[in-house]
Amino acid sequence: MESAGIKITILVLALHLILFSGIYLRKKSRPYNNIVFAIHKIVAVIFIIFIVLIIRDSLINESSDGIFVYLLVFTAVLALTSFITGVLQSFEKPPPAMVNIIHRVSSYMVFTCLALIFIFII
């Protein structure tokens, strides 16, 4: 498997960890399990950094297709949106319902975009 395929595989695995820990946290409700919540947040930060590094590598590589780079940037923006709304959910006072909806939708959209990126690479 080439380097890009390995990177996307790592992203998909990280996203699964984020997704399943997020579902666990949502079902358990407040107060959140600190260990699961910390893992969820740390993997999310690593995930965003990894996407930014892939974008940087894609921009340096002249053979990258423009659509691929746009899809990576869109995925990074969605991941950042998901991260910011997740931070808002971590406060003691529950956030407005719209924040929860945006968090869920952006999280699922990141998963969908990564699937498209994976298909694009194959």
PDB file of N, CA and C in Angstrom:
ATOM      1  N   MET A   1       0.853  -1.176   0.000  1.00  0.00           N
ATOM      2  CA  MET A   1       0.000   0.000   0.000  1.00  0.00           C
ATOM      3  C   MET A   1       0.895   1.234   0.000  1.00  0.00           C
ATOM      4  N   GLU A   2       0.532   2.202  -0.796  1.00  0.00           N
ATOM      5  CA  GLU A   2       1.354   3.403  -0.883  1.00  0.00           C
ATOM      6  C   GLU A   2       1.142   4.313   0.320  1.00  0.00           C
ATOM      7  N   SER A   3       1.976   5.316   0.426  1.00  0.00           N
ATOM      8  CA  SER A   3       1.970   6.207   1.589  1.00  0.00           C
ATOM      9  C   SER A   3       0.618   6.887   1.800  1.00  0.00           C
ATOM     10  N   ALA A   4       0.016   7.365   0.716  1.00  0.00           N
ATOM     11  CA  ALA A   4      -1.281   8.044   0.847  1.00  0.00           C
ATOM     12  C   ALA A   4      -2.352   7.079   1.347  1.00  0.00           C
ATOM     13  N   GLY A   5      -2.316   5.851   0.886  1.00  0.00           N
ATOM     14  CA  GLY A   5      -3.286   4.854   1.340  1.00  0.00           C
ATOM     15  C   GLY A   5      -3.134   4.553   2.819  1.00  0.00           C
ATOM     16  N   ILE A   6      -1.892   4.511   3.291  1.00  0.00           N
ATOM     17  CA  ILE A   6      -1.638   4.278   4.708  1.00  0.00           C
ATOM     18  C   ILE A   6      -2.169   5.448   5.536  1.00  0.00           C
ATOM     19  N   LYS A   7      -1.938   6.672   5.058  1.00  0.00           N
ATOM     20  CA  LYS A   7      -2.428   7.851   5.778  1.00  0.00           C
ATOM     21  C   LYS A   7      -3.953   7.846   5.879  1.00  0.00           C
ATOM     22  N   ILE A   8      -4.612   7.523   4.777  1.00  0.00           N
ATOM     23  CA  ILE A   8      -6.075   7.500   4.795  1.00  0.00           C
ATOM     24  C   ILE A   8      -6.580   6.386   5.706  1.00  0.00           C
ATOM     25  N   THR A   9      -5.902   5.236   5.698  1.00  0.00           N
ATOM     26  CA  THR A   9      -6.293   4.148   6.586  1.00  0.00           C
ATOM     27  C   THR A   9      -6.182   4.572   8.045  1.00  0.00           C
ATOM     28  N   ILE A  10      -5.104   5.268   8.393  1.00  0.00           N
ATOM     29  CA  ILE A  10      -4.933   5.776   9.755  1.00  0.00           C
ATOM     30  C   ILE A  10      -6.048   6.761  10.091  1.00  0.00           C
ATOM     31  N   LEU A  11      -6.381   7.639   9.150  1.00  0.00           N
ATOM     32  CA  LEU A  11      -7.466   8.593   9.381  1.00  0.00           C
ATOM     33  C   LEU A  11      -8.793   7.881   9.612  1.00  0.00           C
ATOM     34  N   VAL A  12      -9.076   6.871   8.816  1.00  0.00           N
ATOM     35  CA  VAL A  12     -10.342   6.150   8.963  1.00  0.00           C
ATOM     36  C   VAL A  12     -10.395   5.428  10.312  1.00  0.00           C
ATOM     37  N   LEU A  13      -9.292   4.822  10.711  1.00  0.00           N
ATOM     38  CA  LEU A  13      -9.264   4.155  12.018  1.00  0.00           C
ATOM     39  C   LEU A  13      -9.439   5.154  13.162  1.00  0.00           C
ATOM     40  N   ALA A  14      -8.772   6.299  13.051  1.00  0.00           N
ATOM     41  CA  ALA A  14      -8.918   7.334  14.082  1.00  0.00           C
ATOM     42  C   ALA A  14     -10.356   7.835  14.126  1.00  0.00           C
ATOM     43  N   LEU A  15     -10.938   8.021  12.948  1.00  0.00           N
ATOM     44  CA  LEU A  15     -12.317   8.502  12.912  1.00  0.00           C
ATOM     45  C   LEU A  15     -13.271   7.492  13.535  1.00  0.00           C
ATOM     46  N   HIS A  16     -13.027   6.203  13.311  1.00  0.00           N
ATOM     47  CA  HIS A  16     -13.866   5.191  13.952  1.00  0.00           C
ATOM     48  C   HIS A  16     -13.749   5.271  15.476  1.00  0.00           C
ATOM     49  N   LEU A  17     -12.539   5.469  15.968  1.00  0.00           N
ATOM     50  CA  LEU A  17     -12.348   5.603  17.419  1.00  0.00           C
ATOM     51  C   LEU A  17     -13.084   6.837  17.939  1.00  0.00           C
ATOM     52  N   ILE A  18     -12.999   7.931  17.205  1.00  0.00           N
ATOM     53  CA  ILE A  18     -13.704   9.158  17.593  1.00  0.00           C
ATOM     54  C   ILE A  18     -15.212   8.926  17.565  1.00  0.00           C
ATOM     55  N   LEU A  19     -15.683   8.303  16.503  1.00  0.00           N
ATOM     56  CA  LEU A  19     -17.116   8.089  16.320  1.00  0.00           C
ATOM     57  C   LEU A  19     -17.688   7.169  17.409  1.00  0.00           C
ATOM     58  N   PHE A  20     -17.024   6.039  17.650  1.00  0.00           N
ATOM     59  CA  PHE A  20     -17.548   5.096  18.640  1.00  0.00           C
ATOM     60  C   PHE A  20     -17.454   5.642  20.063  1.00  0.00           C
ATOM     61  N   SER A  21     -16.370   6.372  20.365  1.00  0.00           N
ATOM     62  CA  SER A  21     -16.286   6.964  21.705  1.00  0.00           C
ATOM     63  C   SER A  21     -17.316   8.081  21.855  1.00  0.00           C
ATOM     64  N   GLY A  22     -17.598   8.807  20.776  1.00  0.00           N
ATOM     65  CA  GLY A  22     -18.633   9.848  20.816  1.00  0.00           C
ATOM     66  C   GLY A  22     -20.017   9.270  21.030  1.00  0.00           C
ATOM     67  N   ILE A  23     -20.301   8.160  20.356  1.00  0.00           N
ATOM     68  CA  ILE A  23     -21.598   7.497  20.544  1.00  0.00           C
ATOM     69  C   ILE A  23     -21.722   6.995  21.988  1.00  0.00           C
ATOM     70  N   TYR A  24     -20.634   6.427  22.510  1.00  0.00           N
ATOM     71  CA  TYR A  24     -20.635   5.958  23.900  1.00  0.00           C
ATOM     72  C   TYR A  24     -20.912   7.117  24.854  1.00  0.00           C
ATOM     73  N   LEU A  25     -20.235   8.252  24.625  1.00  0.00           N
ATOM     74  CA  LEU A  25     -20.426   9.417  25.496  1.00  0.00           C
ATOM     75  C   LEU A  25     -21.858   9.938  25.410  1.00  0.00           C
ATOM     76  N   ARG A  26     -22.416   9.961  24.204  1.00  0.00           N
ATOM     77  CA  ARG A  26     -23.780  10.463  24.035  1.00  0.00           C
ATOM     78  C   ARG A  26     -24.787   9.569  24.758  1.00  0.00           C
ATOM     79  N   LYS A  27     -24.583   8.264  24.690  1.00  0.00           N
ATOM     80  CA  LYS A  27     -25.524   7.346  25.338  1.00  0.00           C
ATOM     81  C   LYS A  27     -25.408   7.380  26.861  1.00  0.00           C
ATOM     82  N   LYS A  28     -24.212   7.639  27.386  1.00  0.00           N
ATOM     83  CA  LYS A  28     -24.009   7.683  28.838  1.00  0.00           C
ATOM     84  C   LYS A  28     -24.424   9.022  29.437  1.00  0.00           C
ATOM     85  N   SER A  29     -24.469  10.052  28.652  1.00  0.00           N
ATOM     86  CA  SER A  29     -24.820  11.422  29.054  1.00  0.00           C
ATOM     87  C   SER A  29     -23.936  11.949  30.184  1.00  0.00           C
ATOM     88  N   ARG A  30     -24.329  13.071  30.741  1.00  0.00           N
ATOM     89  CA  ARG A  30     -23.511  13.744  31.750  1.00  0.00           C
ATOM     90  C   ARG A  30     -23.662  13.079  33.104  1.00  0.00           C
ATOM     91  N   PRO A  31     -22.663  13.094  33.948  1.00  0.00           N
ATOM     92  CA  PRO A  31     -21.289  13.533  33.702  1.00  0.00           C
ATOM     93  C   PRO A  31     -20.558  12.508  32.846  1.00  0.00           C
ATOM     94  N   TYR A  32     -19.734  13.019  31.925  1.00  0.00           N
ATOM     95  CA  TYR A  32     -19.021  12.143  31.005  1.00  0.00           C
ATOM     96  C   TYR A  32     -17.924  11.361  31.716  1.00  0.00           C
ATOM     97  N   ASN A  33     -17.659  10.168  31.221  1.00  0.00           N
ATOM     98  CA  ASN A  33     -16.544   9.358  31.699  1.00  0.00           C
ATOM     99  C   ASN A  33     -15.265  10.084  31.277  1.00  0.00           C
ATOM    100  N   ASN A  34     -14.450  10.501  32.249  1.00  0.00           N
ATOM    101  CA  ASN A  34     -13.284  11.336  31.952  1.00  0.00           C
ATOM    102  C   ASN A  34     -12.271  10.653  31.040  1.00  0.00           C
ATOM    103  N   ILE A  35     -12.063   9.369  31.214  1.00  0.00           N
ATOM    104  CA  ILE A  35     -11.078   8.666  30.388  1.00  0.00           C
ATOM    105  C   ILE A  35     -11.549   8.591  28.943  1.00  0.00           C
ATOM    106  N   VAL A  36     -12.781   8.186  28.731  1.00  0.00           N
ATOM    107  CA  VAL A  36     -13.319   8.091  27.370  1.00  0.00           C
ATOM    108  C   VAL A  36     -13.379   9.477  26.738  1.00  0.00           C
ATOM    109  N   PHE A  37     -13.766  10.479  27.511  1.00  0.00           N
ATOM    110  CA  PHE A  37     -13.857  11.842  26.994  1.00  0.00           C
ATOM    111  C   PHE A  37     -12.478  12.357  26.601  1.00  0.00           C
ATOM    112  N   ALA A  38     -11.465  12.078  27.412  1.00  0.00           N
ATOM    113  CA  ALA A  38     -10.100  12.513  27.097  1.00  0.00           C
ATOM    114  C   ALA A  38      -9.586  11.823  25.834  1.00  0.00           C
ATOM    115  N   ILE A  39      -9.826  10.524  25.726  1.00  0.00           N
ATOM    116  CA  ILE A  39      -9.418   9.801  24.510  1.00  0.00           C
ATOM    117  C   ILE A  39     -10.113  10.384  23.300  1.00  0.00           C
ATOM    118  N   HIS A  40     -11.404  10.648  23.425  1.00  0.00           N
ATOM    119  CA  HIS A  40     -12.190  11.223  22.331  1.00  0.00           C
ATOM    120  C   HIS A  40     -11.584  12.550  21.869  1.00  0.00           C
ATOM    121  N   LYS A  41     -11.255  13.422  22.818  1.00  0.00           N
ATOM    122  CA  LYS A  41     -10.706  14.739  22.471  1.00  0.00           C
ATOM    123  C   LYS A  41      -9.292  14.645  21.908  1.00  0.00           C
ATOM    124  N   ILE A  42      -8.449  13.826  22.510  1.00  0.00           N
ATOM    125  CA  ILE A  42      -7.063  13.715  22.049  1.00  0.00           C
ATOM    126  C   ILE A  42      -6.993  13.145  20.636  1.00  0.00           C
ATOM    127  N   VAL A  43      -7.760  12.097  20.376  1.00  0.00           N
ATOM    128  CA  VAL A  43      -7.761  11.511  19.033  1.00  0.00           C
ATOM    129  C   VAL A  43      -8.332  12.514  18.030  1.00  0.00           C
ATOM    130  N   ALA A  44      -9.309  13.312  18.430  1.00  0.00           N
ATOM    131  CA  ALA A  44      -9.866  14.331  17.539  1.00  0.00           C
ATOM    132  C   ALA A  44      -8.811  15.383  17.178  1.00  0.00           C
ATOM    133  N   VAL A  45      -8.026  15.808  18.137  1.00  0.00           N
ATOM    134  CA  VAL A  45      -6.962  16.791  17.857  1.00  0.00           C
ATOM    135  C   VAL A  45      -5.914  16.181  16.928  1.00  0.00           C
ATOM    136  N   ILE A  46      -5.498  14.954  17.211  1.00  0.00           N
ATOM    137  CA  ILE A  46      -4.526  14.280  16.353  1.00  0.00           C
ATOM    138  C   ILE A  46      -5.086  14.122  14.941  1.00  0.00           C
ATOM    139  N   PHE A  47      -6.369  13.804  14.850  1.00  0.00           N
ATOM    140  CA  PHE A  47      -7.042  13.646  13.563  1.00  0.00           C
ATOM    141  C   PHE A  47      -6.968  14.932  12.748  1.00  0.00           C
ATOM    142  N   ILE A  48      -7.270  16.063  13.364  1.00  0.00           N
ATOM    143  CA  ILE A  48      -7.235  17.349  12.661  1.00  0.00           C
ATOM    144  C   ILE A  48      -5.815  17.689  12.227  1.00  0.00           C
ATOM    145  N   ILE A  49      -4.849  17.469  13.097  1.00  0.00           N
ATOM    146  CA  ILE A  49      -3.447  17.746  12.744  1.00  0.00           C
ATOM    147  C   ILE A  49      -3.017  16.873  11.577  1.00  0.00           C
ATOM    148  N   PHE A  50      -3.419  15.610  11.593  1.00  0.00           N
ATOM    149  CA  PHE A  50      -3.053  14.690  10.520  1.00  0.00           C
ATOM    150  C   PHE A  50      -3.651  15.135   9.190  1.00  0.00           C
ATOM    151  N   ILE A  51      -4.903  15.604   9.201  1.00  0.00           N
ATOM    152  CA  ILE A  51      -5.524  16.098   7.969  1.00  0.00           C
ATOM    153  C   ILE A  51      -4.755  17.314   7.443  1.00  0.00           C
ATOM    154  N   VAL A  52      -4.376  18.208   8.344  1.00  0.00           N
ATOM    155  CA  VAL A  52      -3.614  19.399   7.926  1.00  0.00           C
ATOM    156  C   VAL A  52      -2.282  18.978   7.300  1.00  0.00           C
ATOM    157  N   LEU A  53      -1.614  17.987   7.856  1.00  0.00           N
ATOM    158  CA  LEU A  53      -0.357  17.513   7.284  1.00  0.00           C
ATOM    159  C   LEU A  53      -0.565  16.899   5.903  1.00  0.00           C
ATOM    160  N   ILE A  54      -1.652  16.174   5.730  1.00  0.00           N
ATOM    161  CA  ILE A  54      -1.951  15.606   4.406  1.00  0.00           C
ATOM    162  C   ILE A  54      -2.227  16.717   3.405  1.00  0.00           C
ATOM    163  N   ILE A  55      -2.944  17.759   3.834  1.00  0.00           N
ATOM    164  CA  ILE A  55      -3.212  18.895   2.942  1.00  0.00           C
ATOM    165  C   ILE A  55      -1.898  19.553   2.542  1.00  0.00           C
ATOM    166  N   ARG A  56      -1.024  19.746   3.517  1.00  0.00           N
ATOM    167  CA  ARG A  56       0.278  20.350   3.215  1.00  0.00           C
ATOM    168  C   ARG A  56       1.058  19.512   2.209  1.00  0.00           C
ATOM    169  N   ASP A  57       1.095  18.206   2.422  1.00  0.00           N
ATOM    170  CA  ASP A  57       1.794  17.314   1.491  1.00  0.00           C
ATOM    171  C   ASP A  57       1.158  17.345   0.108  1.00  0.00           C
ATOM    172  N   SER A  58      -0.177  17.431   0.064  1.00  0.00           N
ATOM    173  CA  SER A  58      -0.871  17.474  -1.222  1.00  0.00           C
ATOM    174  C   SER A  58      -0.587  18.764  -1.971  1.00  0.00           C
ATOM    175  N   LEU A  59      -0.468  19.863  -1.235  1.00  0.00           N
ATOM    176  CA  LEU A  59      -0.170  21.140  -1.883  1.00  0.00           C
ATOM    177  C   LEU A  59       1.267  21.187  -2.390  1.00  0.00           C
ATOM    178  N   ILE A  60       2.178  20.523  -1.684  1.00  0.00           N
ATOM    179  CA  ILE A  60       3.574  20.465  -2.123  1.00  0.00           C
ATOM    180  C   ILE A  60       3.698  19.580  -3.357  1.00  0.00           C
ATOM    181  N   ASN A  61       2.927  18.505  -3.384  1.00  0.00           N
ATOM    182  CA  ASN A  61       2.958  17.581  -4.517  1.00  0.00           C
ATOM    183  C   ASN A  61       2.202  18.197  -5.691  1.00  0.00           C
ATOM    184  N   GLU A  62       2.899  18.481  -6.759  1.00  0.00           N
ATOM    185  CA  GLU A  62       2.275  19.162  -7.896  1.00  0.00           C
ATOM    186  C   GLU A  62       1.286  18.282  -8.640  1.00  0.00           C
ATOM    187  N   SER A  63       1.388  16.972  -8.479  1.00  0.00           N
ATOM    188  CA  SER A  63       0.507  16.077  -9.225  1.00  0.00           C
ATOM    189  C   SER A  63      -0.857  15.897  -8.557  1.00  0.00           C
ATOM    190  N   SER A  64      -1.077  16.523  -7.414  1.00  0.00           N
ATOM    191  CA  SER A  64      -2.362  16.391  -6.729  1.00  0.00           C
ATOM    192  C   SER A  64      -3.469  17.052  -7.541  1.00  0.00           C
ATOM    193  N   ASP A  65      -4.580  16.358  -7.643  1.00  0.00           N
ATOM    194  CA  ASP A  65      -5.739  16.888  -8.337  1.00  0.00           C
ATOM    195  C   ASP A  65      -6.397  17.952  -7.467  1.00  0.00           C
ATOM    196  N   GLY A  66      -6.889  19.016  -8.083  1.00  0.00           N
ATOM    197  CA  GLY A  66      -7.510  20.112  -7.343  1.00  0.00           C
ATOM    198  C   GLY A  66      -8.709  19.673  -6.526  1.00  0.00           C
ATOM    199  N   ILE A  67      -9.510  18.762  -7.072  1.00  0.00           N
ATOM    200  CA  ILE A  67     -10.695  18.285  -6.357  1.00  0.00           C
ATOM    201  C   ILE A  67     -10.281  17.559  -5.080  1.00  0.00           C
ATOM    202  N   PHE A  68      -9.192  16.790  -5.155  1.00  0.00           N
ATOM    203  CA  PHE A  68      -8.696  16.071  -3.984  1.00  0.00           C
ATOM    204  C   PHE A  68      -8.304  17.051  -2.883  1.00  0.00           C
ATOM    205  N   VAL A  69      -7.602  18.113  -3.248  1.00  0.00           N
ATOM    206  CA  VAL A  69      -7.176  19.112  -2.261  1.00  0.00           C
ATOM    207  C   VAL A  69      -8.395  19.820  -1.671  1.00  0.00           C
ATOM    208  N   TYR A  70      -9.366  20.190  -2.512  1.00  0.00           N
ATOM    209  CA  TYR A  70     -10.585  20.840  -2.007  1.00  0.00           C
ATOM    210  C   TYR A  70     -11.332  19.923  -1.049  1.00  0.00           C
ATOM    211  N   LEU A  71     -11.386  18.642  -1.368  1.00  0.00           N
ATOM    212  CA  LEU A  71     -12.074  17.689  -0.504  1.00  0.00           C
ATOM    213  C   LEU A  71     -11.350  17.555   0.833  1.00  0.00           C
ATOM    214  N   LEU A  72     -10.028  17.559   0.805  1.00  0.00           N
ATOM    215  CA  LEU A  72      -9.258  17.512   2.048  1.00  0.00           C
ATOM    216  C   LEU A  72      -9.492  18.763   2.893  1.00  0.00           C
ATOM    217  N   VAL A  73      -9.493  19.917   2.250  1.00  0.00           N
ATOM    218  CA  VAL A  73      -9.720  21.173   2.978  1.00  0.00           C
ATOM    219  C   VAL A  73     -11.135  21.178   3.575  1.00  0.00           C
ATOM    220  N   PHE A  74     -12.117  20.758   2.797  1.00  0.00           N
ATOM    221  CA  PHE A  74     -13.496  20.694   3.286  1.00  0.00           C
ATOM    222  C   PHE A  74     -13.602  19.746   4.476  1.00  0.00           C
ATOM    223  N   THR A  75     -12.910  18.606   4.395  1.00  0.00           N
ATOM    224  CA  THR A  75     -12.904  17.652   5.500  1.00  0.00           C
ATOM    225  C   THR A  75     -12.269  18.266   6.742  1.00  0.00           C
ATOM    226  N   ALA A  76     -11.181  19.009   6.554  1.00  0.00           N
ATOM    227  CA  ALA A  76     -10.516  19.662   7.691  1.00  0.00           C
ATOM    228  C   ALA A  76     -11.429  20.699   8.336  1.00  0.00           C
ATOM    229  N   VAL A  77     -12.146  21.463   7.523  1.00  0.00           N
ATOM    230  CA  VAL A  77     -13.078  22.463   8.063  1.00  0.00           C
ATOM    231  C   VAL A  77     -14.200  21.773   8.838  1.00  0.00           C
ATOM    232  N   LEU A  78     -14.716  20.696   8.294  1.00  0.00           N
ATOM    233  CA  LEU A  78     -15.758  19.948   9.006  1.00  0.00           C
ATOM    234  C   LEU A  78     -15.226  19.364  10.317  1.00  0.00           C
ATOM    235  N   ALA A  79     -14.001  18.841  10.285  1.00  0.00           N
ATOM    236  CA  ALA A  79     -13.405  18.283  11.503  1.00  0.00           C
ATOM    237  C   ALA A  79     -13.201  19.378  12.546  1.00  0.00           C
ATOM    238  N   LEU A  80     -12.772  20.541  12.106  1.00  0.00           N
ATOM    239  CA  LEU A  80     -12.595  21.658  13.029  1.00  0.00           C
ATOM    240  C   LEU A  80     -13.937  22.102  13.609  1.00  0.00           C
ATOM    241  N   THR A  81     -14.970  22.142  12.771  1.00  0.00           N
ATOM    242  CA  THR A  81     -16.316  22.472  13.249  1.00  0.00           C
ATOM    243  C   THR A  81     -16.780  21.457  14.289  1.00  0.00           C
ATOM    244  N   SER A  82     -16.545  20.200  13.999  1.00  0.00           N
ATOM    245  CA  SER A  82     -16.916  19.152  14.939  1.00  0.00           C
ATOM    246  C   SER A  82     -16.141  19.284  16.249  1.00  0.00           C
ATOM    247  N   PHE A  83     -14.864  19.630  16.143  1.00  0.00           N
ATOM    248  CA  PHE A  83     -14.046  19.797  17.343  1.00  0.00           C
ATOM    249  C   PHE A  83     -14.533  20.976  18.187  1.00  0.00           C
ATOM    250  N   ILE A  84     -14.817  22.108  17.547  1.00  0.00           N
ATOM    251  CA  ILE A  84     -15.264  23.303  18.272  1.00  0.00           C
ATOM    252  C   ILE A  84     -16.605  23.050  18.961  1.00  0.00           C
ATOM    253  N   THR A  85     -17.539  22.425  18.258  1.00  0.00           N
ATOM    254  CA  THR A  85     -18.827  22.140  18.883  1.00  0.00           C
ATOM    255  C   THR A  85     -18.673  21.095  19.992  1.00  0.00           C
ATOM    256  N   GLY A  86     -17.698  20.189  19.845  1.00  0.00           N
ATOM    257  CA  GLY A  86     -17.413  19.227  20.907  1.00  0.00           C
ATOM    258  C   GLY A  86     -16.884  19.912  22.154  1.00  0.00           C
ATOM    259  N   VAL A  87     -16.050  20.929  21.958  1.00  0.00           N
ATOM    260  CA  VAL A  87     -15.556  21.698  23.102  1.00  0.00           C
ATOM    261  C   VAL A  87     -16.718  22.387  23.809  1.00  0.00           C
ATOM    262  N   LEU A  88     -17.640  22.941  23.038  1.00  0.00           N
ATOM    263  CA  LEU A  88     -18.808  23.590  23.646  1.00  0.00           C
ATOM    264  C   LEU A  88     -19.638  22.600  24.452  1.00  0.00           C
ATOM    265  N   GLN A  89     -19.639  21.342  24.044  1.00  0.00           N
ATOM    266  CA  GLN A  89     -20.391  20.322  24.777  1.00  0.00           C
ATOM    267  C   GLN A  89     -19.690  19.889  26.062  1.00  0.00           C
ATOM    268  N   SER A  90     -18.401  20.192  26.176  1.00  0.00           N
ATOM    269  CA  SER A  90     -17.651  19.727  27.342  1.00  0.00           C
ATOM    270  C   SER A  90     -17.829  20.616  28.571  1.00  0.00           C
ATOM    271  N   PHE A  91     -18.433  21.779  28.405  1.00  0.00           N
ATOM    272  CA  PHE A  91     -18.645  22.654  29.552  1.00  0.00           C
ATOM    273  C   PHE A  91     -19.723  22.073  30.461  1.00  0.00           C
ATOM    274  N   GLU A  92     -19.729  22.542  31.711  1.00  0.00           N
ATOM    275  CA  GLU A  92     -20.712  22.021  32.673  1.00  0.00           C
ATOM    276  C   GLU A  92     -22.137  22.318  32.240  1.00  0.00           C
ATOM    277  N   LYS A  93     -22.360  23.539  31.752  1.00  0.00           N
ATOM    278  CA  LYS A  93     -23.698  23.911  31.307  1.00  0.00           C
ATOM    279  C   LYS A  93     -23.941  23.320  29.911  1.00  0.00           C
ATOM    280  N   PRO A  94     -25.030  22.582  29.729  1.00  0.00           N
ATOM    281  CA  PRO A  94     -25.306  21.988  28.412  1.00  0.00           C
ATOM    282  C   PRO A  94     -25.466  23.075  27.338  1.00  0.00           C
ATOM    283  N   PRO A  95     -24.939  22.822  26.150  1.00  0.00           N
ATOM    284  CA  PRO A  95     -25.052  23.808  25.075  1.00  0.00           C
ATOM    285  C   PRO A  95     -26.454  23.796  24.478  1.00  0.00           C
ATOM    286  N   PRO A  96     -26.766  24.799  23.649  1.00  0.00           N
ATOM    287  CA  PRO A  96     -28.056  24.778  22.951  1.00  0.00           C
ATOM    288  C   PRO A  96     -28.171  23.534  22.065  1.00  0.00           C
ATOM    289  N   ALA A  97     -29.385  23.135  21.794  1.00  0.00           N
ATOM    290  CA  ALA A  97     -29.627  21.927  20.994  1.00  0.00           C
ATOM    291  C   ALA A  97     -28.986  22.026  19.613  1.00  0.00           C
ATOM    292  N   MET A  98     -28.916  23.238  19.047  1.00  0.00           N
ATOM    293  CA  MET A  98     -28.341  23.415  17.719  1.00  0.00           C
ATOM    294  C   MET A  98     -26.857  23.015  17.701  1.00  0.00           C
ATOM    295  N   VAL A  99     -26.142  23.255  18.788  1.00  0.00           N
ATOM    296  CA  VAL A  99     -24.731  22.869  18.865  1.00  0.00           C
ATOM    297  C   VAL A  99     -24.601  21.355  18.784  1.00  0.00           C
ATOM    298  N   ASN A 100     -25.488  20.641  19.473  1.00  0.00           N
ATOM    299  CA  ASN A 100     -25.473  19.178  19.419  1.00  0.00           C
ATOM    300  C   ASN A 100     -25.754  18.674  18.003  1.00  0.00           C
ATOM    301  N   ILE A 101     -26.699  19.297  17.335  1.00  0.00           N
ATOM    302  CA  ILE A 101     -27.048  18.898  15.970  1.00  0.00           C
ATOM    303  C   ILE A 101     -25.873  19.161  15.025  1.00  0.00           C
ATOM    304  N   ILE A 102     -25.266  20.344  15.126  1.00  0.00           N
ATOM    305  CA  ILE A 102     -24.125  20.678  14.269  1.00  0.00           C
ATOM    306  C   ILE A 102     -22.978  19.702  14.526  1.00  0.00           C
ATOM    307  N   HIS A 103     -22.762  19.349  15.786  1.00  0.00           N
ATOM    308  CA  HIS A 103     -21.688  18.413  16.124  1.00  0.00           C
ATOM    309  C   HIS A 103     -21.922  17.050  15.466  1.00  0.00           C
ATOM    310  N   ARG A 104     -23.135  16.547  15.573  1.00  0.00           N
ATOM    311  CA  ARG A 104     -23.446  15.240  14.980  1.00  0.00           C
ATOM    312  C   ARG A 104     -23.347  15.273  13.464  1.00  0.00           C
ATOM    313  N   VAL A 105     -23.939  16.290  12.844  1.00  0.00           N
ATOM    314  CA  VAL A 105     -23.936  16.362  11.379  1.00  0.00           C
ATOM    315  C   VAL A 105     -22.518  16.521  10.840  1.00  0.00           C
ATOM    316  N   SER A 106     -21.737  17.416  11.433  1.00  0.00           N
ATOM    317  CA  SER A 106     -20.372  17.619  10.940  1.00  0.00           C
ATOM    318  C   SER A 106     -19.517  16.376  11.151  1.00  0.00           C
ATOM    319  N   SER A 107     -19.751  15.663  12.243  1.00  0.00           N
ATOM    320  CA  SER A 107     -19.004  14.424  12.490  1.00  0.00           C
ATOM    321  C   SER A 107     -19.308  13.380  11.420  1.00  0.00           C
ATOM    322  N   TYR A 108     -20.582  13.191  11.102  1.00  0.00           N
ATOM    323  CA  TYR A 108     -20.942  12.219  10.068  1.00  0.00           C
ATOM    324  C   TYR A 108     -20.468  12.668   8.684  1.00  0.00           C
ATOM    325  N   MET A 109     -20.458  13.971   8.444  1.00  0.00           N
ATOM    326  CA  MET A 109     -19.980  14.464   7.154  1.00  0.00           C
ATOM    327  C   MET A 109     -18.476  14.242   6.997  1.00  0.00           C
ATOM    328  N   VAL A 110     -17.719  14.355   8.091  1.00  0.00           N
ATOM    329  CA  VAL A 110     -16.287  14.061   8.033  1.00  0.00           C
ATOM    330  C   VAL A 110     -16.094  12.604   7.628  1.00  0.00           C
ATOM    331  N   PHE A 111     -16.868  11.715   8.208  1.00  0.00           N
ATOM    332  CA  PHE A 111     -16.769  10.301   7.876  1.00  0.00           C
ATOM    333  C   PHE A 111     -17.071  10.079   6.390  1.00  0.00           C
ATOM    334  N   THR A 112     -18.101  10.727   5.886  1.00  0.00           N
ATOM    335  CA  THR A 112     -18.470  10.607   4.479  1.00  0.00           C
ATOM    336  C   THR A 112     -17.374  11.155   3.569  1.00  0.00           C
ATOM    337  N   CYS A 113     -16.830  12.311   3.919  1.00  0.00           N
ATOM    338  CA  CYS A 113     -15.755  12.903   3.112  1.00  0.00           C
ATOM    339  C   CYS A 113     -14.519  12.011   3.098  1.00  0.00           C
ATOM    340  N   LEU A 114     -14.191  11.407   4.228  1.00  0.00           N
ATOM    341  CA  LEU A 114     -13.048  10.498   4.252  1.00  0.00           C
ATOM    342  C   LEU A 114     -13.294   9.282   3.383  1.00  0.00           C
ATOM    343  N   ALA A 115     -14.526   8.802   3.346  1.00  0.00           N
ATOM    344  CA  ALA A 115     -14.843   7.682   2.462  1.00  0.00           C
ATOM    345  C   ALA A 115     -14.625   8.098   1.007  1.00  0.00           C
ATOM    346  N   LEU A 116     -15.038   9.314   0.660  1.00  0.00           N
ATOM    347  CA  LEU A 116     -14.818   9.818  -0.706  1.00  0.00           C
ATOM    348  C   LEU A 116     -13.332   9.965  -1.015  1.00  0.00           C
ATOM    349  N   ILE A 117     -12.562  10.443  -0.045  1.00  0.00           N
ATOM    350  CA  ILE A 117     -11.119  10.587  -0.232  1.00  0.00           C
ATOM    351  C   ILE A 117     -10.503   9.207  -0.441  1.00  0.00           C
ATOM    352  N   PHE A 118     -10.932   8.241   0.334  1.00  0.00           N
ATOM    353  CA  PHE A 118     -10.402   6.896   0.209  1.00  0.00           C
ATOM    354  C   PHE A 118     -10.717   6.330  -1.173  1.00  0.00           C
ATOM    355  N   ILE A 119     -11.931   6.548  -1.653  1.00  0.00           N
ATOM    356  CA  ILE A 119     -12.317   6.104  -2.999  1.00  0.00           C
ATOM    357  C   ILE A 119     -11.485   6.831  -4.049  1.00  0.00           C
ATOM    358  N   PHE A 120     -11.239   8.107  -3.831  1.00  0.00           N
ATOM    359  CA  PHE A 120     -10.454   8.911  -4.774  1.00  0.00           C
ATOM    360  C   PHE A 120      -9.038   8.363  -4.899  1.00  0.00           C
ATOM    361  N   ILE A 121      -8.482   7.924  -3.785  1.00  0.00           N
ATOM    362  CA  ILE A 121      -7.107   7.420  -3.797  1.00  0.00           C
ATOM    363  C   ILE A 121      -7.034   6.055  -4.476  1.00  0.00           C
ATOM    364  N   ILE A 122      -8.046   5.234  -4.256  1.00  0.00           N
ATOM    365  CA  ILE A 122      -8.031   3.891  -4.856  1.00  0.00           C
ATOM    366  C   ILE A 122      -8.329   4.063  -6.310  1.00  0.00           C
TER     367      ILE A 122
END
